[in-house]
Amino acid sequence: MGQKDLARRNDMPFKTITVEVKEDRIGFVTLNRPERKNAISVEMRKALSDLLRGWKDDPGIGVVIFTGSGDTFTAGFDLSEFKNPALLAEIFETSARYHRDLWYFPKPTIAAINGPALAGGFDFVKLCDVRICSPKAIFGHPEVKFGIPPLFTPLRWIVGEGSARDLCFTGRRIDGAEAHRIGLVSELVPEERLLEKAMEFARVMLEAPVAALRQGKEFMVNCQGRDFESSFSVEHDVVFQEFLLKKSSEALSKKKG
């Protein structure tokens, strides 16, 4: 990727997020409303959707890291917007779109959780592929106390049925140590090393060919709820046909030539 392309990607005009792209194809996205605890507004959801859709097929982006500015990852949705009747339809539409854009993004995503990730912020990190956090991280679904059932299914896939039911029914908050114990996060990292560790994860991922990462992500997104046979036919049979046998045939052809 040339310096001109890198500069263009680092100059995206977003107000609620900041974007940086490293030379090694790692995209950094910082939720940037520190005065509002990085609350996820309509504008932020639009920015995230636009960014992810633009990066989906961009060869200069291999892995995306998300973090928050200040001392919070995100406190969740910007509740002040719900007081404006004119915004209600847009709140729903942008929420439905951004959650799906994050979940279906075809490249690996990493949440580097530097502080509280609550309610909609907890949902955000659930939809990433890998989560690491600092000791300042806090997770919880306080919205259940206000009559709003939390997003249960992605959490169940990550931590299992029992822990997911516990967190969704009680709305209790857990710290980084408990999040690590139940498997919500892969690593608990000192605050000063959080972004460095996220970069290490990303670089290790990028040691694999792009096609393998994309195919693997597609398997992961689409395998939920499948039985063994339907999953195995994709994860084994398709991989054999499209990757292993194809590579072997190409290698043999080169050898003969």
Protein backbone atom coordinates (compact mmCIF):
# COMPACT_ATOMS: atom_id res chain seq x y z
CA MET A 1 0.00 0.00 0.00
CA GLY A 2 1.44 3.35 -1.01
CA GLN A 3 1.75 6.42 1.18
CA LYS A 4 -0.98 8.15 -0.85
CA ASP A 5 -3.48 5.34 -0.18
CA LEU A 6 -2.55 5.26 3.50
CA ALA A 7 -3.04 9.02 3.81
CA ARG A 8 -6.44 8.76 2.14
CA ARG A 9 -7.61 6.06 4.55
CA ASN A 10 -6.35 8.07 7.54
CA ASP A 11 -8.23 11.16 6.38
CA MET A 12 -11.79 9.87 6.58
CA PRO A 13 -14.06 12.74 7.74
CA PHE A 14 -15.79 11.25 10.78
CA LYS A 15 -16.77 13.34 13.82
CA THR A 16 -17.58 10.60 16.33
CA ILE A 17 -14.79 8.14 15.58
CA THR A 18 -11.14 8.52 14.72
CA VAL A 19 -9.53 6.26 12.17
CA GLU A 20 -5.91 5.29 11.62
CA VAL A 21 -4.49 2.68 9.27
CA LYS A 22 -1.06 1.21 9.85
CA GLU A 23 1.29 0.15 7.07
CA ASP A 24 0.80 -3.48 8.13
CA ARG A 25 -2.91 -3.40 7.14
CA ILE A 26 -4.24 -2.93 10.66
CA GLY A 27 -7.11 -0.48 10.99
CA PHE A 28 -7.51 1.37 14.30
CA VAL A 29 -10.95 2.75 15.15
CA THR A 30 -11.39 4.83 18.30
CA LEU A 31 -14.88 5.67 19.55
CA ASN A 32 -14.38 9.37 20.16
CA ARG A 33 -17.04 11.06 22.27
CA PRO A 34 -15.18 11.14 25.59
CA GLU A 35 -17.40 13.91 26.95
CA ARG A 36 -20.34 11.47 26.60
CA LYS A 37 -18.45 8.34 27.68
CA ASN A 38 -18.29 7.42 23.96
CA ALA A 39 -22.06 6.93 23.88
CA ILE A 40 -23.11 5.36 20.59
CA SER A 41 -25.21 7.94 18.77
CA VAL A 42 -27.04 7.78 15.44
CA GLU A 43 -24.11 9.64 13.90
CA MET A 44 -21.58 7.19 15.34
CA ARG A 45 -23.53 4.18 14.09
CA LYS A 46 -23.68 5.69 10.61
CA ALA A 47 -19.94 6.35 10.71
CA LEU A 48 -19.15 2.80 11.81
CA SER A 49 -21.39 1.32 9.12
CA ASP A 50 -19.88 3.53 6.42
CA LEU A 51 -16.36 2.68 7.54
CA LEU A 52 -16.92 -1.08 7.72
CA ARG A 53 -18.65 -1.18 4.36
CA GLY A 54 -15.79 0.79 2.83
CA TRP A 55 -13.17 -1.48 4.36
CA LYS A 56 -14.95 -4.75 3.55
CA ASP A 57 -13.18 -5.26 0.22
CA ASP A 58 -10.26 -2.89 0.76
CA PRO A 59 -7.01 -4.86 0.26
CA GLY A 60 -5.21 -2.36 2.49
CA ILE A 61 -7.22 -3.51 5.52
CA GLY A 62 -6.63 -6.97 7.01
CA VAL A 63 -7.70 -6.66 10.66
CA VAL A 64 -9.63 -3.97 12.54
CA ILE A 65 -9.04 -2.96 16.16
CA PHE A 66 -11.67 -1.00 18.13
CA THR A 67 -11.03 0.94 21.34
CA GLY A 68 -12.46 3.93 23.18
CA SER A 69 -11.10 7.37 23.92
CA GLY A 70 -10.59 8.52 27.49
CA ASP A 71 -11.36 6.08 30.30
CA THR A 72 -14.35 4.29 28.72
CA PHE A 73 -14.84 1.89 25.84
CA THR A 74 -18.47 2.93 25.51
CA ALA A 75 -21.27 3.38 28.02
CA GLY A 76 -23.80 2.18 25.43
CA PHE A 77 -26.36 3.95 23.29
CA ASP A 78 -26.84 7.69 23.63
CA LEU A 79 -30.07 7.64 25.61
CA SER A 80 -30.66 11.38 25.16
CA GLU A 81 -31.61 10.68 21.53
CA PHE A 82 -34.54 8.50 22.63
CA LYS A 83 -36.23 11.65 23.99
CA ASN A 84 -36.59 13.00 20.44
CA PRO A 85 -39.60 11.38 18.70
CA ALA A 86 -38.29 12.50 15.31
CA LEU A 87 -35.20 10.31 15.79
CA LEU A 88 -36.86 7.05 16.84
CA ALA A 89 -37.13 5.50 13.38
CA GLU A 90 -33.52 6.44 12.57
CA ILE A 91 -32.31 5.07 15.90
CA PHE A 92 -33.80 1.69 15.04
CA GLU A 93 -32.61 1.68 11.42
CA THR A 94 -29.03 2.66 12.23
CA SER A 95 -28.89 0.18 15.10
CA ALA A 96 -30.15 -2.73 12.99
CA ARG A 97 -27.66 -1.87 10.24
CA TYR A 98 -24.55 -1.20 12.32
CA HIS A 99 -24.87 -4.36 14.44
CA ARG A 100 -25.13 -6.47 11.30
CA ASP A 101 -22.30 -4.60 9.57
CA LEU A 102 -20.04 -5.38 12.54
CA TRP A 103 -21.10 -9.03 12.87
CA TYR A 104 -20.86 -9.79 9.15
CA PHE A 105 -17.64 -7.83 8.53
CA PRO A 106 -15.56 -10.38 6.58
CA LYS A 107 -12.23 -9.73 8.29
CA PRO A 108 -11.12 -10.33 11.89
CA THR A 109 -12.09 -7.70 14.46
CA ILE A 110 -10.50 -7.09 17.85
CA ALA A 111 -12.02 -5.12 20.75
CA ALA A 112 -9.32 -3.54 22.94
CA ILE A 113 -11.52 -2.70 25.91
CA ASN A 114 -9.94 0.09 27.94
CA GLY A 115 -12.82 0.76 30.35
CA PRO A 116 -16.54 0.17 30.87
CA ALA A 117 -18.44 -1.53 28.01
CA LEU A 118 -22.03 -1.43 29.17
CA ALA A 119 -25.45 -2.14 27.64
CA GLY A 120 -25.05 -1.41 23.92
CA GLY A 121 -21.30 -1.21 24.55
CA PHE A 122 -21.36 -4.77 25.87
CA ASP A 123 -23.22 -5.76 22.69
CA PHE A 124 -20.53 -4.04 20.61
CA VAL A 125 -17.69 -6.13 22.04
CA LYS A 126 -19.73 -9.37 21.80
CA LEU A 127 -19.93 -8.86 18.04
CA CYS A 128 -16.14 -8.64 17.67
CA ASP A 129 -14.10 -11.77 17.02
CA VAL A 130 -11.54 -11.30 19.80
CA ARG A 131 -11.73 -9.30 23.02
CA ILE A 132 -8.88 -8.24 25.28
CA CYS A 133 -9.22 -5.82 28.15
CA SER A 134 -7.43 -3.83 30.81
CA PRO A 135 -8.21 -4.15 34.54
CA LYS A 136 -10.38 -1.04 34.20
CA ALA A 137 -12.87 -2.84 31.96
CA ILE A 138 -16.39 -3.39 33.27
CA PHE A 139 -19.13 -5.33 31.48
CA GLY A 140 -22.82 -5.43 32.20
CA HIS A 141 -26.39 -5.14 31.00
CA PRO A 142 -27.98 -2.51 33.26
CA GLU A 143 -30.77 -2.02 30.70
CA VAL A 144 -32.59 -5.11 31.99
CA LYS A 145 -33.40 -3.14 35.16
CA PHE A 146 -35.26 -0.63 32.97
CA GLY A 147 -37.33 -3.28 31.21
CA ILE A 148 -35.13 -3.89 28.15
CA PRO A 149 -34.11 -7.54 27.55
CA PRO A 150 -30.39 -7.74 26.61
CA LEU A 151 -28.92 -9.25 23.47
CA PHE A 152 -28.49 -12.84 24.66
CA THR A 153 -27.51 -15.08 21.75
CA PRO A 154 -23.99 -13.76 20.91
CA LEU A 155 -23.11 -13.80 24.61
CA ARG A 156 -24.27 -17.41 24.91
CA TRP A 157 -22.02 -18.38 22.00
CA ILE A 158 -19.03 -16.82 23.75
CA VAL A 159 -19.41 -17.73 27.44
CA GLY A 160 -21.98 -20.53 27.40
CA GLU A 161 -25.61 -20.78 28.41
CA GLY A 162 -25.23 -20.55 32.18
CA SER A 163 -23.02 -17.46 32.37
CA ALA A 164 -25.01 -15.71 29.64
CA ARG A 165 -28.31 -16.24 31.47
CA ASP A 166 -26.74 -15.04 34.71
CA LEU A 167 -25.49 -11.79 33.16
CA CYS A 168 -28.62 -11.10 31.12
CA PHE A 169 -31.12 -11.79 33.95
CA THR A 170 -29.24 -10.07 36.77
CA GLY A 171 -27.72 -7.15 34.87
CA ARG A 172 -24.80 -7.42 37.28
CA ARG A 173 -21.47 -5.92 36.35
CA ILE A 174 -18.29 -7.93 36.08
CA ASP A 175 -14.71 -6.72 36.00
CA GLY A 176 -11.92 -7.72 33.66
CA ALA A 177 -10.71 -10.53 35.91
CA GLU A 178 -14.12 -12.25 35.93
CA ALA A 179 -14.54 -11.59 32.21
CA HIS A 180 -11.27 -13.42 31.63
CA ARG A 181 -12.26 -16.28 33.95
CA ILE A 182 -15.52 -16.97 32.08
CA GLY A 183 -13.92 -16.64 28.64
CA LEU A 184 -15.49 -13.35 27.61
CA VAL A 185 -12.03 -11.91 26.96
CA SER A 186 -8.94 -13.74 25.73
CA GLU A 187 -6.45 -11.78 27.82
CA LEU A 188 -6.39 -9.35 30.73
CA VAL A 189 -3.64 -6.88 29.92
CA PRO A 190 -2.09 -3.99 31.90
CA GLU A 191 -3.62 -0.72 30.78
CA GLU A 192 -0.38 0.62 29.32
CA ARG A 193 0.04 -2.50 27.13
CA LEU A 194 -3.53 -2.86 25.88
CA LEU A 195 -3.13 -1.40 22.39
CA GLU A 196 0.30 -2.97 21.98
CA LYS A 197 -1.20 -6.37 22.79
CA ALA A 198 -4.07 -5.76 20.35
CA MET A 199 -1.49 -5.01 17.66
CA GLU A 200 0.33 -8.25 18.50
CA PHE A 201 -2.90 -10.21 18.07
CA ALA A 202 -3.55 -8.49 14.74
CA ARG A 203 -0.04 -9.16 13.41
CA VAL A 204 -0.28 -12.85 14.30
CA MET A 205 -3.62 -13.05 12.48
CA LEU A 206 -2.11 -11.38 9.43
CA GLU A 207 0.56 -14.06 9.16
CA ALA A 208 -2.19 -16.10 7.51
CA PRO A 209 -3.22 -15.45 3.88
CA VAL A 210 -6.13 -13.07 3.43
CA ALA A 211 -8.24 -15.73 1.69
CA ALA A 212 -7.91 -18.09 4.66
CA LEU A 213 -8.92 -15.37 7.11
CA ARG A 214 -11.96 -14.40 5.05
CA GLN A 215 -13.06 -18.00 4.55
CA GLY A 216 -12.56 -18.75 8.22
CA LYS A 217 -14.59 -15.70 9.24
CA GLU A 218 -17.38 -16.77 6.89
CA PHE A 219 -17.43 -20.23 8.49
CA MET A 220 -17.56 -18.72 11.97
CA VAL A 221 -20.39 -16.33 11.18
CA ASN A 222 -22.51 -18.92 9.42
CA CYS A 223 -21.90 -22.06 11.49
CA GLN A 224 -24.04 -21.15 14.49
CA GLY A 225 -26.87 -23.62 14.96
CA ARG A 226 -25.57 -26.16 12.45
CA ASP A 227 -25.22 -29.81 13.35
CA PHE A 228 -21.91 -31.64 13.04
CA GLU A 229 -22.45 -32.94 9.50
CA SER A 230 -23.44 -29.61 7.96
CA SER A 231 -20.57 -27.84 9.71
CA PHE A 232 -18.04 -30.54 8.87
CA SER A 233 -19.03 -30.57 5.20
CA VAL A 234 -18.07 -26.90 5.01
CA GLU A 235 -15.12 -26.72 7.41
CA HIS A 236 -13.54 -29.94 6.16
CA ASP A 237 -14.82 -30.80 2.67
CA VAL A 238 -14.88 -27.27 1.26
CA VAL A 239 -11.50 -26.45 2.80
CA PHE A 240 -10.01 -29.60 1.27
CA GLN A 241 -11.41 -28.84 -2.19
CA GLU A 242 -10.82 -25.09 -2.28
CA PHE A 243 -7.57 -24.83 -0.31
CA LEU A 244 -5.58 -28.01 0.32
CA LEU A 245 -6.17 -29.91 -2.92
CA LYS A 246 -6.02 -26.74 -4.98
CA LYS A 247 -2.65 -25.81 -3.45
CA SER A 248 -1.35 -29.33 -3.98
CA SER A 249 -2.40 -29.28 -7.63
CA GLU A 250 -0.76 -25.90 -8.18
CA ALA A 251 2.45 -27.11 -6.53
CA LEU A 252 2.53 -30.26 -8.67
CA SER A 253 1.93 -28.24 -11.84
CA LYS A 254 4.83 -25.95 -11.01
CA LYS A 255 7.06 -28.93 -10.29
CA LYS A 256 6.23 -30.53 -13.63
CA GLY A 257 6.79 -27.26 -15.44
